[in-house]
N, C-alpha and C. Protein backbone atom coordinates (compact mmCIF):
# COMPACT_ATOMS: atom_id res chain seq x y z
N MET A 1 11.43 -18.97 -50.13
CA MET A 1 10.40 -19.44 -49.64
C MET A 1 10.57 -20.17 -48.31
N ALA A 2 9.69 -21.02 -47.51
CA ALA A 2 9.92 -21.80 -46.48
C ALA A 2 9.38 -22.76 -46.40
N THR A 3 9.68 -24.38 -46.06
CA THR A 3 9.28 -25.58 -46.14
C THR A 3 8.56 -26.15 -45.08
N CYS A 4 7.67 -26.42 -45.15
CA CYS A 4 6.53 -27.09 -43.99
C CYS A 4 7.35 -27.73 -43.48
N GLU A 5 7.33 -28.07 -41.83
CA GLU A 5 8.21 -29.16 -41.31
C GLU A 5 7.24 -30.28 -41.67
N VAL A 6 5.85 -29.66 -41.48
CA VAL A 6 5.32 -31.65 -41.59
C VAL A 6 4.92 -31.66 -42.76
N CYS A 7 4.87 -31.18 -44.02
CA CYS A 7 4.34 -31.90 -45.17
C CYS A 7 5.15 -31.73 -46.08
N GLY A 8 6.48 -30.72 -45.86
CA GLY A 8 7.23 -30.42 -46.74
C GLY A 8 6.99 -29.42 -48.03
N ASN A 9 5.53 -28.78 -48.28
CA ASN A 9 5.63 -27.73 -48.52
C ASN A 9 6.51 -26.71 -49.11
N ASP A 10 6.93 -26.31 -49.90
CA ASP A 10 7.32 -25.00 -50.40
C ASP A 10 6.92 -24.19 -50.64
N TYR A 11 6.15 -23.30 -49.53
CA TYR A 11 5.40 -22.30 -49.59
C TYR A 11 5.93 -20.58 -49.22
N TRP A 12 5.23 -19.72 -50.64
CA TRP A 12 6.01 -18.42 -50.30
C TRP A 12 5.05 -17.60 -48.74
N MET A 13 3.84 -18.25 -48.05
CA MET A 13 3.56 -17.92 -47.73
C MET A 13 3.51 -18.68 -45.86
N ALA A 14 4.64 -19.46 -46.05
CA ALA A 14 4.76 -20.21 -45.01
C ALA A 14 4.66 -19.26 -43.47
N PHE A 15 4.55 -19.82 -42.59
CA PHE A 15 4.67 -19.14 -41.20
C PHE A 15 5.88 -19.66 -40.22
N GLU A 16 6.35 -19.07 -38.91
CA GLU A 16 7.28 -20.03 -37.81
C GLU A 16 6.08 -19.36 -36.37
N VAL A 17 6.46 -20.11 -35.77
CA VAL A 17 5.68 -20.53 -34.43
C VAL A 17 6.79 -20.31 -33.87
N ARG A 18 6.94 -19.69 -32.80
CA ARG A 18 7.99 -19.98 -31.97
C ARG A 18 7.49 -20.13 -30.22
N THR A 19 7.73 -21.42 -29.48
CA THR A 19 7.26 -21.68 -28.58
C THR A 19 8.00 -21.32 -27.03
N VAL A 20 7.41 -21.66 -26.32
CA VAL A 20 8.07 -20.60 -24.73
C VAL A 20 9.00 -20.91 -24.40
N SER A 21 9.75 -22.89 -25.06
CA SER A 21 10.47 -23.19 -24.81
C SER A 21 11.76 -23.23 -25.75
N GLY A 22 11.30 -22.26 -27.13
CA GLY A 22 12.28 -21.50 -27.76
C GLY A 22 12.32 -22.14 -28.88
N ASP A 23 11.52 -23.62 -28.81
CA ASP A 23 11.77 -23.56 -30.27
C ASP A 23 10.79 -23.16 -31.26
N THR A 24 11.76 -23.24 -32.57
CA THR A 24 11.13 -22.28 -33.95
C THR A 24 10.44 -23.48 -34.86
N HIS A 25 9.12 -23.23 -34.98
CA HIS A 25 8.68 -24.52 -35.97
C HIS A 25 7.82 -23.33 -37.18
N THR A 26 8.05 -24.14 -38.23
CA THR A 26 7.88 -23.55 -39.63
C THR A 26 6.71 -24.47 -40.58
N PHE A 27 5.27 -23.82 -40.94
CA PHE A 27 4.20 -24.55 -41.23
C PHE A 27 3.98 -23.70 -42.11
N ASP A 28 3.03 -24.47 -43.53
CA ASP A 28 2.40 -23.91 -44.71
C ASP A 28 0.78 -23.59 -44.25
N SER A 29 0.58 -23.62 -43.02
CA SER A 29 -1.22 -24.08 -43.10
C SER A 29 -1.06 -24.25 -40.68
N PHE A 30 -2.52 -23.83 -40.64
CA PHE A 30 -2.65 -23.78 -39.29
C PHE A 30 -3.17 -25.46 -39.43
N GLU A 31 -3.76 -25.93 -39.88
CA GLU A 31 -3.67 -27.42 -40.04
C GLU A 31 -2.89 -27.94 -39.63
N CYS A 32 -1.35 -27.76 -40.67
CA CYS A 32 -0.21 -28.48 -39.97
C CYS A 32 0.50 -28.09 -38.97
N ALA A 33 0.38 -26.79 -38.24
CA ALA A 33 0.83 -26.59 -37.24
C ALA A 33 -0.01 -27.40 -35.47
N ILE A 34 -1.39 -27.44 -36.07
CA ILE A 34 -2.30 -27.97 -35.21
C ILE A 34 -1.73 -29.00 -35.19
N HIS A 35 -1.83 -30.24 -36.30
CA HIS A 35 -1.15 -31.51 -36.41
C HIS A 35 0.22 -31.88 -35.46
N ARG A 36 1.12 -30.88 -35.26
CA ARG A 36 2.89 -31.02 -34.95
C ARG A 36 2.41 -30.02 -33.21
N LEU A 37 1.92 -29.27 -33.14
CA LEU A 37 1.58 -28.70 -31.64
C LEU A 37 1.02 -29.11 -30.79
N ALA A 38 -0.70 -28.92 -31.48
CA ALA A 38 -1.59 -29.40 -30.38
C ALA A 38 -1.73 -30.11 -29.09
N PRO A 39 -2.15 -30.22 -28.26
CA PRO A 39 -2.10 -31.38 -27.09
C PRO A 39 -2.87 -32.62 -27.41
N ILE A 40 -3.19 -33.49 -27.03
CA ILE A 40 -4.15 -34.21 -27.10
C ILE A 40 -5.04 -34.69 -25.86
N CYS A 41 -6.19 -34.97 -25.95
CA CYS A 41 -7.13 -34.90 -24.88
C CYS A 41 -6.87 -36.18 -24.89
N GLU A 42 -6.78 -36.79 -23.33
CA GLU A 42 -6.00 -37.96 -22.26
C GLU A 42 -7.57 -39.00 -22.52
N HIS A 43 -8.77 -38.35 -22.77
CA HIS A 43 -9.87 -39.44 -22.79
C HIS A 43 -10.17 -39.81 -24.04
N CYS A 44 -10.06 -38.92 -25.14
CA CYS A 44 -10.75 -39.28 -26.59
C CYS A 44 -9.87 -38.92 -27.42
N GLN A 45 -8.70 -38.51 -27.31
CA GLN A 45 -7.62 -38.70 -27.93
C GLN A 45 -7.72 -37.74 -29.10
N ILE A 46 -8.65 -36.67 -29.34
CA ILE A 46 -8.63 -35.63 -30.49
C ILE A 46 -7.51 -34.55 -30.14
N LYS A 47 -7.22 -33.52 -31.01
CA LYS A 47 -6.36 -32.44 -30.97
C LYS A 47 -7.26 -31.40 -29.94
N ILE A 48 -6.80 -30.81 -29.43
CA ILE A 48 -6.99 -29.70 -28.63
C ILE A 48 -7.14 -28.72 -29.34
N VAL A 49 -7.69 -27.98 -29.68
CA VAL A 49 -7.53 -26.84 -30.76
C VAL A 49 -7.79 -25.56 -29.94
N GLY A 50 -8.70 -25.41 -28.68
CA GLY A 50 -9.11 -24.40 -28.23
C GLY A 50 -8.31 -24.20 -26.80
N HIS A 51 -9.18 -23.78 -25.92
CA HIS A 51 -8.68 -23.28 -24.86
C HIS A 51 -8.27 -25.10 -23.65
N GLY A 52 -9.10 -25.91 -24.18
CA GLY A 52 -9.39 -27.26 -23.56
C GLY A 52 -9.11 -27.26 -21.64
N ILE A 53 -8.73 -28.02 -21.18
CA ILE A 53 -8.49 -27.92 -19.96
C ILE A 53 -7.20 -28.94 -19.12
N GLU A 54 -6.90 -28.22 -17.95
CA GLU A 54 -5.62 -28.86 -17.72
C GLU A 54 -5.90 -29.55 -16.13
N VAL A 55 -6.12 -30.53 -15.77
CA VAL A 55 -6.37 -31.25 -14.38
C VAL A 55 -5.35 -32.14 -14.21
N ASN A 56 -4.64 -31.69 -12.95
CA ASN A 56 -2.86 -32.93 -12.29
C ASN A 56 -2.59 -32.70 -13.53
N GLY A 57 -2.08 -31.61 -14.51
CA GLY A 57 -1.16 -31.92 -15.64
C GLY A 57 -1.38 -32.49 -16.49
N ARG A 58 -2.67 -33.60 -16.68
CA ARG A 58 -3.01 -33.32 -17.80
C ARG A 58 -4.49 -32.61 -18.46
N PHE A 59 -4.06 -32.59 -19.66
CA PHE A 59 -5.01 -31.96 -20.68
C PHE A 59 -6.24 -32.67 -21.06
N PHE A 60 -7.25 -32.14 -20.90
CA PHE A 60 -8.87 -32.94 -22.02
C PHE A 60 -9.19 -31.51 -22.82
N CYS A 61 -10.15 -32.41 -23.80
CA CYS A 61 -10.46 -31.11 -24.49
C CYS A 61 -11.93 -30.45 -23.95
N SER A 62 -12.34 -30.70 -22.89
CA SER A 62 -13.59 -30.46 -22.49
C SER A 62 -13.61 -30.98 -21.22
N GLY A 63 -14.53 -30.13 -19.97
CA GLY A 63 -15.11 -30.69 -18.77
C GLY A 63 -15.99 -32.11 -18.93
N HIS A 64 -16.29 -32.14 -19.62
CA HIS A 64 -16.75 -34.16 -19.83
C HIS A 64 -15.67 -34.72 -19.79
N CYS A 65 -14.73 -34.77 -20.47
CA CYS A 65 -13.51 -35.46 -20.53
C CYS A 65 -13.07 -35.64 -19.68
N ALA A 66 -12.78 -34.43 -18.75
CA ALA A 66 -11.77 -34.46 -17.71
C ALA A 66 -12.87 -34.65 -16.43
N ARG A 67 -14.07 -34.88 -16.53
CA ARG A 67 -14.74 -35.18 -15.26
C ARG A 67 -14.64 -36.67 -15.68
N ALA A 68 -14.91 -37.54 -16.94
CA ALA A 68 -14.77 -38.70 -17.21
C ALA A 68 -13.53 -39.45 -16.62
N VAL A 69 -12.25 -38.94 -16.59
CA VAL A 69 -11.32 -39.35 -16.40
C VAL A 69 -10.80 -39.07 -14.77
N GLU A 70 -10.49 -37.63 -14.39
CA GLU A 70 -10.13 -37.32 -12.92
C GLU A 70 -11.13 -37.60 -11.94
N GLY A 71 -11.88 -38.38 -11.79
CA GLY A 71 -12.38 -38.71 -10.35
C GLY A 71 -13.41 -37.57 -9.89
N ALA A 72 -13.12 -36.89 -8.71
CA ALA A 72 -13.26 -36.24 -7.71
C ALA A 72 -12.88 -34.58 -8.15
N GLN A 73 -11.96 -34.58 -8.47
CA GLN A 73 -11.10 -33.13 -8.99
C GLN A 73 -11.85 -32.71 -10.21
N GLY A 74 -12.08 -34.21 -11.15
CA GLY A 74 -12.48 -33.83 -12.64
C GLY A 74 -14.00 -33.36 -12.29
N ALA A 75 -15.09 -33.78 -11.06
CA ALA A 75 -15.89 -33.41 -11.18
C ALA A 75 -16.59 -32.50 -10.88
N GLU A 76 -15.34 -31.49 -10.36
CA GLU A 76 -15.86 -30.15 -10.09
C GLU A 76 -15.02 -29.02 -11.53
N ILE A 77 -15.15 -29.71 -12.36
CA ILE A 77 -14.95 -28.66 -13.72
C ILE A 77 -15.98 -28.93 -14.30
N ARG A 78 -16.41 -27.34 -14.94
CA ARG A 78 -17.65 -26.84 -15.47
C ARG A 78 -16.91 -26.68 -16.77
N ASP A 79 -17.84 -26.62 -18.01
CA ASP A 79 -17.40 -26.06 -19.05
C ASP A 79 -18.31 -24.91 -18.98
N ALA A 80 -17.53 -23.50 -19.58
CA ALA A 80 -18.16 -22.41 -19.40
C ALA A 80 -18.95 -22.16 -21.22
N VAL A 81 -18.76 -22.43 -21.91
CA VAL A 81 -19.71 -22.31 -22.96
C VAL A 81 -21.01 -22.49 -22.83
N GLY A 82 -21.83 -21.10 -22.83
CA GLY A 82 -23.18 -20.98 -22.78
C GLY A 82 -23.49 -20.86 -21.43
N VAL A 83 -22.47 -20.71 -20.91
CA VAL A 83 -22.83 -20.58 -18.60
C VAL A 83 -23.12 -18.81 -19.36
N ARG A 84 -24.40 -18.27 -18.68
CA ARG A 84 -24.63 -17.07 -18.39
C ARG A 84 -24.24 -16.37 -16.92
N PRO A 85 -23.06 -15.79 -16.69
CA PRO A 85 -23.54 -15.11 -15.24
C PRO A 85 -24.64 -14.61 -14.98
N SER A 86 -24.66 -14.72 -13.41
CA SER A 86 -25.98 -14.59 -12.62
C SER A 86 -26.42 -12.97 -12.54
């Protein structure tokens, strides 16, 4: 069995996540993996679980948050959810 690095649970179904930097992390749930690895929106401070948006090296959970912080460049950001191609 492996021990979750966040909660300390020793669980037979624990899993490993390898990052692009070569680090290996062990978790017993996606909740713990998100808690440790997900970036935080620089506007509303929530964990970014979906794709998110990066503007000028800063991460946001949505176009709304990017527009609220990033001025002119953020103003050009649009969320794609629900948008249908013409």
